[in-house]
C-alpha atoms as a PDB file:
ATOM      1  CA  MET A   1      47.057  -0.676 -93.403  1.00  0.00           C
ATOM      2  CA  ARG A   2      45.329  -3.525 -95.121  1.00  0.00           C
ATOM      3  CA  LEU A   3      46.275  -5.868 -92.223  1.00  0.00           C
ATOM      4  CA  LEU A   4      43.961  -4.230 -89.740  1.00  0.00           C
ATOM      5  CA  PRO A   5      40.629  -5.732 -90.952  1.00  0.00           C
ATOM      6  CA  PRO A   6      42.008  -9.309 -91.130  1.00  0.00           C
ATOM      7  CA  LEU A   7      43.506  -8.921 -87.627  1.00  0.00           C
ATOM      8  CA  LEU A   8      40.187  -7.696 -86.237  1.00  0.00           C
ATOM      9  CA  LEU A   9      38.370 -10.584 -87.900  1.00  0.00           C
ATOM     10  CA  ALA A  10      40.872 -13.106 -86.500  1.00  0.00           C
ATOM     11  CA  ALA A  11      40.578 -11.638 -82.979  1.00  0.00           C
ATOM     12  CA  ALA A  12      36.789 -11.812 -83.150  1.00  0.00           C
ATOM     13  CA  LEU A  13      36.873 -15.434 -84.309  1.00  0.00           C
ATOM     14  CA  GLU A  14      39.278 -16.446 -81.543  1.00  0.00           C
ATOM     15  CA  ALA A  15      37.356 -14.730 -78.744  1.00  0.00           C
ATOM     16  CA  PRO A  16      35.460 -17.260 -76.616  1.00  0.00           C
ATOM     17  CA  GLN A  17      31.792 -17.431 -77.513  1.00  0.00           C
ATOM     18  CA  PRO A  18      29.154 -17.383 -74.728  1.00  0.00           C
ATOM     19  CA  GLY A  19      28.662 -20.927 -73.475  1.00  0.00           C
ATOM     20  CA  ALA A  20      31.946 -22.139 -75.026  1.00  0.00           C
ATOM     21  CA  PRO A  21      34.659 -23.639 -72.819  1.00  0.00           C
ATOM     22  CA  GLY A  22      36.816 -20.855 -71.422  1.00  0.00           C
ATOM     23  CA  ALA A  23      34.132 -18.215 -71.923  1.00  0.00           C
ATOM     24  CA  ALA A  24      33.176 -16.030 -68.991  1.00  0.00           C
ATOM     25  CA  ARG A  25      29.928 -17.244 -67.453  1.00  0.00           C
ATOM     26  CA  PRO A  26      27.145 -14.776 -66.953  1.00  0.00           C
ATOM     27  CA  PRO A  27      26.387 -14.064 -63.301  1.00  0.00           C
ATOM     28  CA  SER A  28      23.998 -16.636 -61.885  1.00  0.00           C
ATOM     29  CA  PRO A  29      20.987 -15.451 -59.909  1.00  0.00           C
ATOM     30  CA  ILE A  30      21.158 -15.590 -56.136  1.00  0.00           C
ATOM     31  CA  PRO A  31      19.225 -18.647 -54.972  1.00  0.00           C
ATOM     32  CA  ALA A  32      16.117 -17.875 -52.978  1.00  0.00           C
ATOM     33  CA  ALA A  33      16.030 -18.840 -49.315  1.00  0.00           C
ATOM     34  CA  PRO A  34      14.265 -22.165 -48.866  1.00  0.00           C
ATOM     35  CA  ALA A  35      10.615 -21.598 -48.200  1.00  0.00           C
ATOM     36  CA  CYS A  36       9.127 -23.147 -45.131  1.00  0.00           C
ATOM     37  CA  ASP A  37       6.613 -25.756 -46.210  1.00  0.00           C
ATOM     38  CA  GLY A  38       4.455 -25.161 -43.151  1.00  0.00           C
ATOM     39  CA  LYS A  39       4.185 -23.298 -39.892  1.00  0.00           C
ATOM     40  CA  PRO A  40       7.624 -22.752 -38.267  1.00  0.00           C
ATOM     41  CA  PRO A  41       8.307 -24.377 -34.885  1.00  0.00           C
ATOM     42  CA  GLU A  42       7.338 -22.511 -31.694  1.00  0.00           C
ATOM     43  CA  VAL A  43       8.256 -22.572 -28.022  1.00  0.00           C
ATOM     44  CA  ARG A  44       5.683 -21.661 -25.364  1.00  0.00           C
ATOM     45  CA  ASN A  45       6.415 -20.984 -21.710  1.00  0.00           C
ATOM     46  CA  GLN A  46       3.537 -21.943 -19.415  1.00  0.00           C
ATOM     47  CA  ASP A  47       5.753 -21.690 -16.337  1.00  0.00           C
ATOM     48  CA  ALA A  48       5.838 -18.660 -14.008  1.00  0.00           C
ATOM     49  CA  VAL A  49       9.591 -18.113 -14.523  1.00  0.00           C
ATOM     50  CA  PRO A  50      11.691 -17.429 -17.643  1.00  0.00           C
ATOM     51  CA  HIS A  51      13.661 -20.284 -19.173  1.00  0.00           C
ATOM     52  CA  ALA A  52      16.887 -20.109 -21.179  1.00  0.00           C
ATOM     53  CA  PHE A  53      17.223 -22.451 -24.143  1.00  0.00           C
ATOM     54  CA  THR A  54      19.736 -23.112 -26.902  1.00  0.00           C
ATOM     55  CA  LEU A  55      19.184 -23.566 -30.635  1.00  0.00           C
ATOM     56  CA  THR A  56      21.948 -25.441 -32.456  1.00  0.00           C
ATOM     57  CA  CYS A  57      22.093 -25.447 -36.257  1.00  0.00           C
ATOM     58  CA  GLY A  58      25.270 -27.120 -37.441  1.00  0.00           C
ATOM     59  CA  ARG A  59      28.067 -25.096 -35.846  1.00  0.00           C
ATOM     60  CA  LYS A  60      25.917 -22.058 -35.078  1.00  0.00           C
ATOM     61  CA  VAL A  61      24.612 -21.893 -31.505  1.00  0.00           C
ATOM     62  CA  THR A  62      21.980 -19.330 -30.516  1.00  0.00           C
ATOM     63  CA  GLU A  63      20.986 -18.761 -26.909  1.00  0.00           C
ATOM     64  CA  ARG A  64      17.576 -17.314 -26.096  1.00  0.00           C
ATOM     65  CA  THR A  65      15.194 -16.896 -23.187  1.00  0.00           C
ATOM     66  CA  VAL A  66      11.440 -17.355 -23.223  1.00  0.00           C
ATOM     67  CA  ALA A  67       9.555 -15.215 -20.689  1.00  0.00           C
ATOM     68  CA  PRO A  68       6.626 -16.488 -18.594  1.00  0.00           C
ATOM     69  CA  GLY A  69       3.496 -16.745 -20.735  1.00  0.00           C
ATOM     70  CA  GLU A  70       5.437 -15.940 -23.926  1.00  0.00           C
ATOM     71  CA  THR A  71       5.335 -17.824 -27.237  1.00  0.00           C
ATOM     72  CA  GLN A  72       8.292 -17.474 -29.615  1.00  0.00           C
ATOM     73  CA  VAL A  73       8.138 -18.428 -33.277  1.00  0.00           C
ATOM     74  CA  LEU A  74      11.402 -20.135 -34.211  1.00  0.00           C
ATOM     75  CA  GLU A  75      11.346 -19.198 -37.885  1.00  0.00           C
ATOM     76  CA  GLY A  76      14.357 -20.546 -39.718  1.00  0.00           C
ATOM     77  CA  PHE A  77      15.172 -23.127 -37.036  1.00  0.00           C
ATOM     78  CA  SER A  78      13.352 -26.163 -38.443  1.00  0.00           C
ATOM     79  CA  GLY A  79      15.836 -29.049 -38.453  1.00  0.00           C
ATOM     80  CA  CYS A  80      17.877 -27.481 -35.653  1.00  0.00           C
ATOM     81  CA  THR A  81      18.228 -28.821 -32.116  1.00  0.00           C
ATOM     82  CA  PHE A  82      16.284 -27.194 -29.262  1.00  0.00           C
ATOM     83  CA  THR A  83      17.951 -27.749 -25.850  1.00  0.00           C
ATOM     84  CA  LEU A  84      16.442 -26.799 -22.503  1.00  0.00           C
ATOM     85  CA  ALA A  85      17.556 -28.048 -19.068  1.00  0.00           C
ATOM     86  CA  GLY A  86      19.972 -30.556 -20.627  1.00  0.00           C
ATOM     87  CA  ARG A  87      17.312 -32.229 -22.796  1.00  0.00           C
ATOM     88  CA  ALA A  88      17.432 -31.884 -26.583  1.00  0.00           C
ATOM     89  CA  GLU A  89      14.755 -32.159 -29.250  1.00  0.00           C
ATOM     90  CA  THR A  90      15.044 -31.773 -33.049  1.00  0.00           C
ATOM     91  CA  LEU A  91      12.690 -29.075 -34.313  1.00  0.00           C
ATOM     92  CA  HIS A  92      10.346 -29.590 -37.258  1.00  0.00           C
ATOM     93  CA  THR A  93       7.767 -27.470 -39.032  1.00  0.00           C
ATOM     94  CA  GLU A  94       4.323 -27.704 -37.440  1.00  0.00           C
ATOM     95  CA  MET A  95       5.901 -28.359 -33.975  1.00  0.00           C
ATOM     96  CA  ILE A  96       5.235 -26.670 -30.644  1.00  0.00           C
ATOM     97  CA  CYS A  97       7.514 -27.154 -27.628  1.00  0.00           C
ATOM     98  CA  THR A  98       5.719 -26.296 -24.387  1.00  0.00           C
ATOM     99  CA  VAL A  99       7.653 -25.525 -21.188  1.00  0.00           C
ATOM    100  CA  ARG A 100       5.634 -26.566 -18.150  1.00  0.00           C
ATOM    101  CA  THR A 101       6.017 -25.780 -14.455  1.00  0.00           C
ATOM    102  CA  GLY A 102       9.479 -26.700 -13.190  1.00  0.00           C
ATOM    103  CA  GLY A 103      11.117 -26.490 -16.628  1.00  0.00           C
ATOM    104  CA  ALA A 104       9.866 -29.799 -17.997  1.00  0.00           C
ATOM    105  CA  PHE A 105       8.938 -29.535 -21.651  1.00  0.00           C
ATOM    106  CA  THR A 106       7.208 -31.518 -24.350  1.00  0.00           C
ATOM    107  CA  CYS A 107       7.374 -31.088 -28.106  1.00  0.00           C
ATOM    108  CA  ASP A 108       4.380 -32.101 -30.190  1.00  0.00           C
ATOM    109  CA  LEU A 109       3.628 -32.012 -33.899  1.00  0.00           C
ATOM    110  CA  LEU A 110       0.386 -30.297 -34.842  1.00  0.00           C
END
């Protein structure tokens, strides 16, 4: 029974130490969502009718409608493409896209 302590010592010495190659890595923290460095983009409808628009972020396409007189905050869509009536505009923080009578729109930085 004198072999047991040397075997335990050998197993402990051969076990990977934290940070050593082959050692299990501790779980890494979940990265925080990127913080918006300003006011998120908005779309405003100044027309008397609702307008459908599309937001494209990479492969993800989101379709929405803005009602007459409504303003929608497009939080999380900065850098995405805003498309309305076949015309596209890249969204940025501190930007407002205004839909005017007839569906024409303009996008302006604040």
